[in-house]
C-alpha cells in the first residue's frame, strides 16, 4: 500500500474538518486503496430506525435513494450491528456466507440490480441516539470482501473517529458563536470588550458607535466623560489588582447623557480566554433608553413574549411603530399584531397609554 496515499487520506480527513471537499477526496482515496466501486458514510438514527446515506464516493443517485426508501429495512447487516464495537467491521461474506447472500432479497433484488456483489461496513461512532458507519461496496466483477480487506484499512478508522469528533466540535462552536452574536445584538444597550491597548475585541452594533466615541483614534470626541476612559480600562485590566467595577457619566455637546460601566474580565474568563490577557467589559446605557431591568419586569408582570418585549422596549424610548419595525427588521403588519397582543396583556388601549405605562415603569426602575 502506497504510504503517500495513506498519508494523503489521513491529511484529507483532518482538513475535512473545515473543508468538505478534502474529506470527500480522502474517502475517494480509500476506495482506490481498497479496490471498491462505491463508498459512503451511513448515519443510523436508532430512535426512528432510519439510515441516511451521505458523503458518497462515485454516487449513483437511484442506488442510495432506493436504499434509504425501501431496502434499508431488510439490510442483513442491521441484525449484526448491535453486537459490534466501534472500530469493528461487518463483512457480508463472513457473516452471511456467499450462499445466503445469493438467496437474500437484499442482494438478489437490490444490489445485483446495480451490478454490486458485496459490501462491508465499519462502526465508526456510537452515540445514544445514532450510529455512524463507513461503508464500501464492490462490483459483480470483483471478489467479495474478506477480513484481509479490513486489516488493510484498520489504520484509517482511528483517524476517521478523531476527525469526526473534531469536526462535530468545530460545528458546535460555530453554531454557538452565531447564537451568541445574535443574542448580543439584541441587547438594548451598547456592549463592548476592550483589550488593555484599547482594541475592541467584541461589540454589538450599538457598541460600535460607542467605540468611536470612547476611543476617537486621534480625533476629538463629541462626548466627555467624568473620568478618563483610558484610566478606567487600565484599572480594570490590571493583572494584579483589577478594580471590580467603575462608572462614569458621559455628556455630549448637545446635552445628551449616558452611563459608562467598566468591569474586569481576567484571562480565565470565558470572554477573554482566547486572548490570554485581561480585558474589560464596557456597558453603555444611554439616557432615554429602556433601563436594563425593564425586559424581565415586562416578562414577569405581564407575560410578554421575547418578541413583544423587544417591541415594547423600543417603544419605551418614544419612537413610532414604523421606526421600531425597521430597527427590529420585522414587517409593519407583524409589529402591529405584536402591539395588539401587548395592549391586551398590559391592559392598555393605545400606544400613548402603553408609552405612559412603560415610562412609569422605567422611572421606578431607575430609582430603584
Protein backbone atom coordinates (compact mmCIF):
# COMPACT_ATOMS: atom_id res chain seq x y z
CA UNK A 1 0.00 0.00 0.00
CA UNK A 2 1.43 3.38 -1.04
CA UNK A 3 2.40 5.38 2.07
CA UNK A 4 1.94 8.65 0.23
CA UNK A 5 -1.69 7.73 -0.47
CA UNK A 6 -2.18 6.70 3.15
CA UNK A 7 -0.79 9.98 4.44
CA UNK A 8 -2.88 11.89 1.90
CA UNK A 9 -6.04 10.12 3.06
CA UNK A 10 -5.29 10.89 6.70
CA UNK A 11 -4.47 14.51 5.92
CA UNK A 12 -7.74 14.87 3.99
CA UNK A 13 -9.76 13.63 6.96
CA UNK A 14 -8.38 16.35 9.20
CA UNK A 15 -8.54 19.03 6.53
CA UNK A 16 -12.14 17.95 6.08
CA UNK A 17 -12.96 19.43 9.48
CA UNK A 18 -13.26 22.75 7.65
CA UNK A 19 -13.26 21.66 4.00
CA UNK A 20 -15.88 19.05 2.97
CA UNK A 21 -14.14 18.55 -0.37
CA UNK A 22 -10.97 17.40 1.42
CA UNK A 23 -12.97 14.79 3.37
CA UNK A 24 -14.59 13.61 0.13
CA UNK A 25 -11.20 13.31 -1.55
CA UNK A 26 -9.92 11.27 1.38
CA UNK A 27 -12.81 8.81 1.03
CA UNK A 28 -12.12 8.62 -2.71
CA UNK A 29 -8.51 7.68 -1.97
CA UNK A 30 -9.70 4.93 0.38
CA UNK A 31 -11.93 3.42 -2.31
CA UNK A 32 -8.94 3.27 -4.64
CA UNK A 33 -6.75 1.67 -1.98
CA UNK A 34 -9.40 -0.95 -1.20
CA UNK A 35 -10.40 -1.51 -4.81
CA UNK A 36 -14.11 -0.77 -4.32
CA UNK A 37 -16.84 0.57 -6.58
CA UNK A 38 -18.54 2.86 -4.08
CA UNK A 39 -18.09 4.17 -0.53
CA UNK A 40 -20.24 6.26 1.78
CA UNK A 41 -20.87 7.36 5.32
CA UNK A 42 -24.07 5.99 6.88
CA UNK A 43 -25.85 7.62 9.82
CA UNK A 44 -28.31 5.30 11.58
CA UNK A 45 -30.94 7.11 13.64
CA UNK A 46 -31.52 4.31 16.15
CA UNK A 47 -34.56 6.03 17.66
CA UNK A 48 -36.53 6.18 14.39
CA UNK A 49 -34.66 3.25 12.82
CA UNK A 50 -33.79 5.33 9.78
CA UNK A 51 -30.47 5.23 7.89
CA UNK A 52 -29.26 8.24 5.91
CA UNK A 53 -26.52 7.94 3.30
CA UNK A 54 -24.18 10.88 2.75
CA UNK A 55 -20.67 11.79 1.62
CA UNK A 56 -20.89 9.28 -1.21
CA UNK A 57 -17.94 8.36 -3.43
CA UNK A 58 -18.90 7.55 -7.05
CA UNK A 59 -22.57 8.28 -6.33
CA UNK A 60 -25.41 6.56 -8.16
CA UNK A 61 -28.47 8.56 -7.16
CA UNK A 62 -31.01 5.76 -7.63
CA UNK A 63 -28.89 3.25 -5.72
CA UNK A 64 -28.75 5.23 -2.50
CA UNK A 65 -32.26 6.64 -2.86
CA UNK A 66 -33.65 3.11 -3.18
CA UNK A 67 -31.61 2.00 -0.17
CA UNK A 68 -32.89 4.81 2.07
CA UNK A 69 -36.53 4.48 0.99
CA UNK A 70 -37.03 0.73 0.52
CA UNK A 71 -34.15 -1.64 1.19
CA UNK A 72 -32.54 -0.49 4.43
CA UNK A 73 -35.30 -2.28 6.33
CA UNK A 74 -34.09 -5.67 5.03
CA UNK A 75 -30.37 -4.91 5.17
CA UNK A 76 -28.96 -8.06 6.85
CA UNK A 77 -26.16 -6.05 8.45
CA UNK A 78 -28.65 -4.45 10.87
CA UNK A 79 -29.02 -7.68 12.84
CA UNK A 80 -25.26 -7.79 13.44
CA UNK A 81 -24.80 -4.07 14.20
CA UNK A 82 -25.90 -4.10 17.88
CA UNK A 83 -23.12 -6.57 18.72
CA UNK A 84 -20.41 -4.53 17.04
CA UNK A 85 -17.99 -2.28 18.89
CA UNK A 86 -16.56 0.97 17.46
CA UNK A 87 -13.78 0.08 15.05
CA UNK A 88 -15.19 -3.36 14.19
CA UNK A 89 -16.22 -4.36 10.67
CA UNK A 90 -19.25 -6.13 9.27
CA UNK A 91 -18.23 -8.30 6.27
CA UNK A 92 -21.19 -9.82 4.46
CA UNK A 93 -19.36 -12.87 3.06
CA UNK A 94 -18.03 -13.69 6.54
CA UNK A 95 -21.24 -13.07 8.50
CA UNK A 96 -23.74 -14.46 5.97
CA UNK A 97 -21.79 -16.63 3.57
CA UNK A 98 -21.95 -16.37 -0.21
CA UNK A 99 -24.78 -18.91 -0.47
CA UNK A 100 -27.05 -16.94 1.85
CA UNK A 101 -26.10 -13.71 0.05
CA UNK A 102 -27.21 -15.14 -3.29
CA UNK A 103 -30.64 -16.08 -1.86
CA UNK A 104 -31.23 -12.94 0.22
CA UNK A 105 -33.61 -10.38 -1.39
CA UNK A 106 -31.30 -7.55 -0.32
CA UNK A 107 -28.72 -8.90 -2.76
CA UNK A 108 -30.98 -10.55 -5.33
CA UNK A 109 -33.50 -7.68 -5.70
CA UNK A 110 -31.33 -4.70 -4.82
CA UNK A 111 -27.54 -4.88 -5.02
CA UNK A 112 -27.40 -7.11 -8.10
CA UNK A 113 -29.70 -4.70 -9.92
CA UNK A 114 -26.92 -2.12 -9.57
CA UNK A 115 -24.17 -4.60 -10.50
CA UNK A 116 -22.94 -4.86 -6.89
CA UNK A 117 -21.82 -8.09 -5.24
CA UNK A 118 -20.51 -7.48 -1.73
CA UNK A 119 -20.17 -4.83 0.94
CA UNK A 120 -18.61 -4.22 4.31
CA UNK A 121 -19.13 -1.51 6.92
CA UNK A 122 -17.20 -0.29 9.96
CA UNK A 123 -18.86 1.14 13.05
CA UNK A 124 -17.03 4.44 13.40
CA UNK A 125 -19.02 6.05 16.21
CA UNK A 126 -21.86 5.03 18.51
CA UNK A 127 -23.89 7.68 20.32
CA UNK A 128 -27.05 7.31 22.44
CA UNK A 129 -29.39 8.17 19.56
CA UNK A 130 -27.39 7.47 16.41
CA UNK A 131 -24.51 5.47 14.94
CA UNK A 132 -22.07 6.32 12.15
CA UNK A 133 -20.71 3.72 9.72
CA UNK A 134 -18.16 3.80 6.91
CA UNK A 135 -19.40 1.51 4.15
CA UNK A 136 -17.72 0.19 0.98
CA UNK A 137 -19.27 -1.80 -1.89
CA UNK A 138 -17.72 -3.98 -4.63
CA UNK A 139 -19.00 -4.66 -8.13
CA UNK A 140 -20.07 -8.06 -9.51
CA UNK A 141 -16.77 -8.28 -11.40
CA UNK A 142 -14.79 -8.01 -8.14
CA UNK A 143 -14.23 -10.57 -5.36
CA UNK A 144 -16.29 -10.48 -2.18
CA UNK A 145 -14.83 -8.70 0.81
CA UNK A 146 -12.69 -10.66 3.26
CA UNK A 147 -11.02 -9.95 6.64
CA UNK A 148 -7.82 -9.15 4.75
CA UNK A 149 -9.57 -6.13 3.25
CA UNK A 150 -10.45 -4.75 6.68
CA UNK A 151 -6.94 -5.26 8.06
CA UNK A 152 -5.66 -3.18 5.18
CA UNK A 153 -7.88 -0.30 6.32
CA UNK A 154 -7.54 -0.61 10.11
CA UNK A 155 -5.08 2.30 10.19
CA UNK A 156 -7.64 4.84 8.94
CA UNK A 157 -10.53 4.26 11.39
CA UNK A 158 -8.92 5.92 14.47
CA UNK A 159 -8.14 8.97 12.34
CA UNK A 160 -11.68 8.98 10.98
CA UNK A 161 -13.12 8.90 14.50
CA UNK A 162 -10.80 11.66 15.69
CA UNK A 163 -11.53 13.86 12.67
CA UNK A 164 -15.29 13.36 13.09
CA UNK A 165 -15.12 14.34 16.75
CA UNK A 166 -13.12 17.46 15.90
CA UNK A 167 -15.50 18.35 13.08
CA UNK A 168 -18.55 17.97 15.35
CA UNK A 169 -16.85 20.13 17.96
CA UNK A 170 -15.98 22.79 15.39
CA UNK A 171 -19.53 22.88 14.04
CA UNK A 172 -20.87 23.13 17.58
CA UNK A 173 -18.59 26.05 18.38
CA UNK A 174 -19.57 27.79 15.13
CA UNK A 175 -23.25 27.44 15.96
CA UNK A 176 -22.65 28.70 19.49
CA UNK A 177 -20.70 31.70 18.14
CA UNK A 178 -23.54 32.62 15.76
CA UNK A 179 -26.12 32.26 18.51
CA UNK A 180 -24.02 34.36 20.90
CA UNK A 181 -23.63 37.09 18.27
CA UNK A 182 -27.39 37.17 17.72
CA UNK A 183 -28.08 37.39 21.45
CA UNK A 184 -25.52 40.17 21.97
CA UNK A 185 -27.01 42.09 19.05
CA UNK A 186 -30.47 42.00 20.62
CA UNK A 187 -29.32 43.76 23.80
CA UNK A 188 -30.92 47.16 24.34
CA UNK A 189 -27.61 48.73 25.40
CA UNK A 190 -24.12 49.08 23.97
CA UNK A 191 -21.74 46.27 24.88
CA UNK A 192 -18.01 46.14 24.15
CA UNK A 193 -14.95 44.18 25.24
CA UNK A 194 -11.68 46.15 25.21
CA UNK A 195 -8.09 44.98 25.48
CA UNK A 196 -5.68 46.94 27.70
CA UNK A 197 -4.38 48.51 24.44
CA UNK A 198 -7.88 49.92 23.75
CA UNK A 199 -8.57 47.49 20.94
CA UNK A 200 -12.18 46.39 20.54
CA UNK A 201 -12.32 42.58 20.86
CA UNK A 202 -16.10 42.24 20.77
CA UNK A 203 -19.08 44.55 20.36
CA UNK A 204 -22.67 44.75 19.19
CA UNK A 205 -23.77 47.40 16.67
CA UNK A 206 -24.64 49.86 19.44
CA UNK A 207 -21.20 49.26 20.90
CA UNK A 208 -19.51 50.02 17.56
CA UNK A 209 -20.86 53.58 17.70
CA UNK A 210 -19.59 53.99 21.25
CA UNK A 211 -16.17 52.58 20.38
CA UNK A 212 -15.56 55.64 18.20
CA UNK A 213 -16.82 57.90 20.97
CA UNK A 214 -14.79 56.33 23.77
CA UNK A 215 -11.60 55.86 21.71
CA UNK A 216 -11.77 58.51 18.95
CA UNK A 217 -8.44 57.46 17.36
CA UNK A 218 -6.72 60.82 17.46
CA UNK A 219 -9.88 62.85 16.88
CA UNK A 220 -11.74 64.93 19.42
CA UNK A 221 -14.84 63.13 20.62
CA UNK A 222 -18.17 64.89 20.98
CA UNK A 223 -18.61 63.07 24.25
CA UNK A 224 -16.91 63.99 27.53
CA UNK A 225 -16.55 61.51 30.39
CA UNK A 226 -16.49 62.42 34.06
CA UNK A 227 -13.24 60.42 34.33
CA UNK A 228 -10.66 59.39 31.68
CA UNK A 229 -11.75 56.24 29.84
CA UNK A 230 -8.15 55.11 29.38
CA UNK A 231 -7.58 55.16 33.13
CA UNK A 232 -10.72 53.09 33.68
CA UNK A 233 -9.52 50.50 31.18
CA UNK A 234 -6.10 50.22 32.77
CA UNK A 235 -7.63 49.84 36.22
CA UNK A 236 -9.99 47.11 35.01
CA UNK A 237 -7.19 45.26 33.18
CA UNK A 238 -4.62 45.42 35.97
CA UNK A 239 -3.46 41.78 36.28
CA UNK A 240 -2.55 42.24 39.95
CA UNK A 241 -5.38 44.35 41.37
CA UNK A 242 -8.18 44.83 38.87
CA UNK A 243 -10.84 47.31 40.01
CA UNK A 244 -14.09 45.38 40.38
CA UNK A 245 -16.44 47.96 38.85
CA UNK A 246 -16.21 51.56 37.67
CA UNK A 247 -18.76 54.01 36.32
CA UNK A 248 -18.55 57.38 34.59
CA UNK A 249 -21.08 59.85 33.25
CA UNK A 250 -20.78 60.76 29.58
CA UNK A 251 -22.16 64.00 28.15
CA UNK A 252 -22.15 65.28 24.57
CA UNK A 253 -22.17 68.83 23.23
CA UNK A 254 -25.96 68.82 22.88
CA UNK A 255 -26.60 67.77 26.47
CA UNK A 256 -27.34 64.08 25.93
CA UNK A 257 -26.08 61.81 28.71
CA UNK A 258 -25.11 58.19 29.17
CA UNK A 259 -23.72 55.96 31.88
CA UNK A 260 -20.49 54.07 31.11
CA UNK A 261 -19.80 50.99 33.24
CA UNK A 262 -16.45 49.18 33.08
CA UNK A 263 -15.97 45.68 34.53
CA UNK A 264 -12.82 43.49 34.53
CA UNK A 265 -12.53 40.25 32.57
CA UNK A 266 -9.46 38.26 33.71
CA UNK A 267 -7.65 35.82 31.39
CA UNK A 268 -9.58 32.90 32.86
CA UNK A 269 -12.92 34.42 31.90
CA UNK A 270 -14.82 32.84 29.00
CA UNK A 271 -14.76 36.10 27.03
CA UNK A 272 -11.05 36.62 27.48
CA UNK A 273 -9.82 33.03 27.40
CA UNK A 274 -8.92 33.03 23.71
CA UNK A 275 -6.91 36.20 24.07
CA UNK A 276 -4.93 35.05 27.12
CA UNK A 277 -4.85 38.53 28.58
CA UNK A 278 -7.01 40.68 30.84
CA UNK A 279 -9.86 42.51 29.16
CA UNK A 280 -12.60 44.93 30.15
CA UNK A 281 -16.33 44.60 29.61
CA UNK A 282 -17.86 48.00 28.85
CA UNK A 283 -21.60 48.66 29.04
CA UNK A 284 -23.07 51.98 27.96
CA UNK A 285 -26.62 52.84 28.93
CA UNK A 286 -27.91 55.99 27.28
CA UNK A 287 -30.42 58.25 29.00
CA UNK A 288 -33.83 57.97 27.40
CA UNK A 289 -33.48 54.28 26.57
CA UNK A 290 -35.13 51.49 28.47
CA UNK A 291 -33.48 50.59 31.81
CA UNK A 292 -31.72 47.24 31.97
CA UNK A 293 -34.41 45.63 34.17
CA UNK A 294 -37.41 46.65 32.04
CA UNK A 295 -37.37 43.47 29.90
CA UNK A 296 -37.53 40.96 32.79
CA UNK A 297 -40.17 43.09 34.55
CA UNK A 298 -42.38 43.04 31.45
CA UNK A 299 -41.99 39.28 31.25
CA UNK A 300 -42.79 38.67 34.92
CA UNK A 301 -45.63 41.21 35.31
CA UNK A 302 -47.44 40.83 32.01
CA UNK A 303 -46.21 37.57 30.48
CA UNK A 304 -44.94 39.22 27.31
CA UNK A 305 -43.10 37.03 24.81
CA UNK A 306 -39.48 37.86 23.84
CA UNK A 307 -40.69 39.43 20.56
CA UNK A 308 -43.30 41.53 22.40
CA UNK A 309 -40.69 42.61 24.96
CA UNK A 310 -38.29 43.76 22.21
CA UNK A 311 -41.10 45.79 20.64
CA UNK A 312 -42.15 47.31 23.97
CA UNK A 313 -38.58 48.19 24.99
CA UNK A 314 -38.03 50.01 21.70
CA UNK A 315 -41.35 51.84 22.03
CA UNK A 316 -40.44 52.93 25.57
CA UNK A 317 -37.92 55.34 24.06
CA UNK A 318 -40.74 57.29 22.40
CA UNK A 319 -40.22 56.04 18.85
CA UNK A 320 -43.10 55.32 16.49
CA UNK A 321 -44.13 51.88 15.30
CA UNK A 322 -42.75 52.28 11.73
CA UNK A 323 -39.29 53.22 13.04
CA UNK A 324 -39.30 50.37 15.57
CA UNK A 325 -40.34 47.89 12.85
CA UNK A 326 -37.32 48.88 10.76
CA UNK A 327 -34.94 48.65 13.72
CA UNK A 328 -36.21 45.17 14.64
CA UNK A 329 -36.19 44.05 10.99
CA UNK A 330 -39.83 42.91 11.07
CA UNK A 331 -42.79 43.72 8.85
CA UNK A 332 -45.05 46.57 9.91
CA UNK A 333 -48.03 44.19 9.95
CA UNK A 334 -46.11 41.85 12.29
CA UNK A 335 -45.31 44.76 14.60
CA UNK A 336 -48.99 45.80 14.66
CA UNK A 337 -50.03 42.24 15.57
CA UNK A 338 -47.47 42.12 18.38
CA UNK A 339 -48.56 45.56 19.60
CA UNK A 340 -52.21 44.43 19.82
CA UNK A 341 -51.10 41.48 21.94
CA UNK A 342 -49.12 43.85 24.19
CA UNK A 343 -52.21 46.09 24.56
CA UNK A 344 -54.28 43.10 25.65
CA UNK A 345 -51.72 41.78 28.16
CA UNK A 346 -50.88 45.17 29.71
CA UNK A 347 -54.49 46.45 29.82
CA UNK A 348 -53.73 49.46 27.62
CA UNK A 349 -55.79 50.60 24.63
CA UNK A 350 -53.41 52.83 22.68
CA UNK A 351 -49.74 53.39 22.03
CA UNK A 352 -49.91 56.58 24.11
CA UNK A 353 -51.21 54.63 27.11
CA UNK A 354 -48.57 51.93 26.62
CA UNK A 355 -45.79 54.50 26.38
CA UNK A 356 -47.04 56.15 29.57
CA UNK A 357 -47.07 52.77 31.36
CA UNK A 358 -43.57 51.96 30.15
CA UNK A 359 -42.35 55.41 31.18
CA UNK A 360 -43.67 54.94 34.71
CA UNK A 361 -42.04 51.51 34.94
CA UNK A 362 -38.75 52.92 33.66
CA UNK A 363 -38.82 55.76 36.19
CA UNK A 364 -39.50 53.32 39.03
CA UNK A 365 -36.69 51.02 37.91
CA UNK A 366 -34.17 53.85 37.52
CA UNK A 367 -34.95 55.00 41.05
CA UNK A 368 -34.78 51.50 42.50
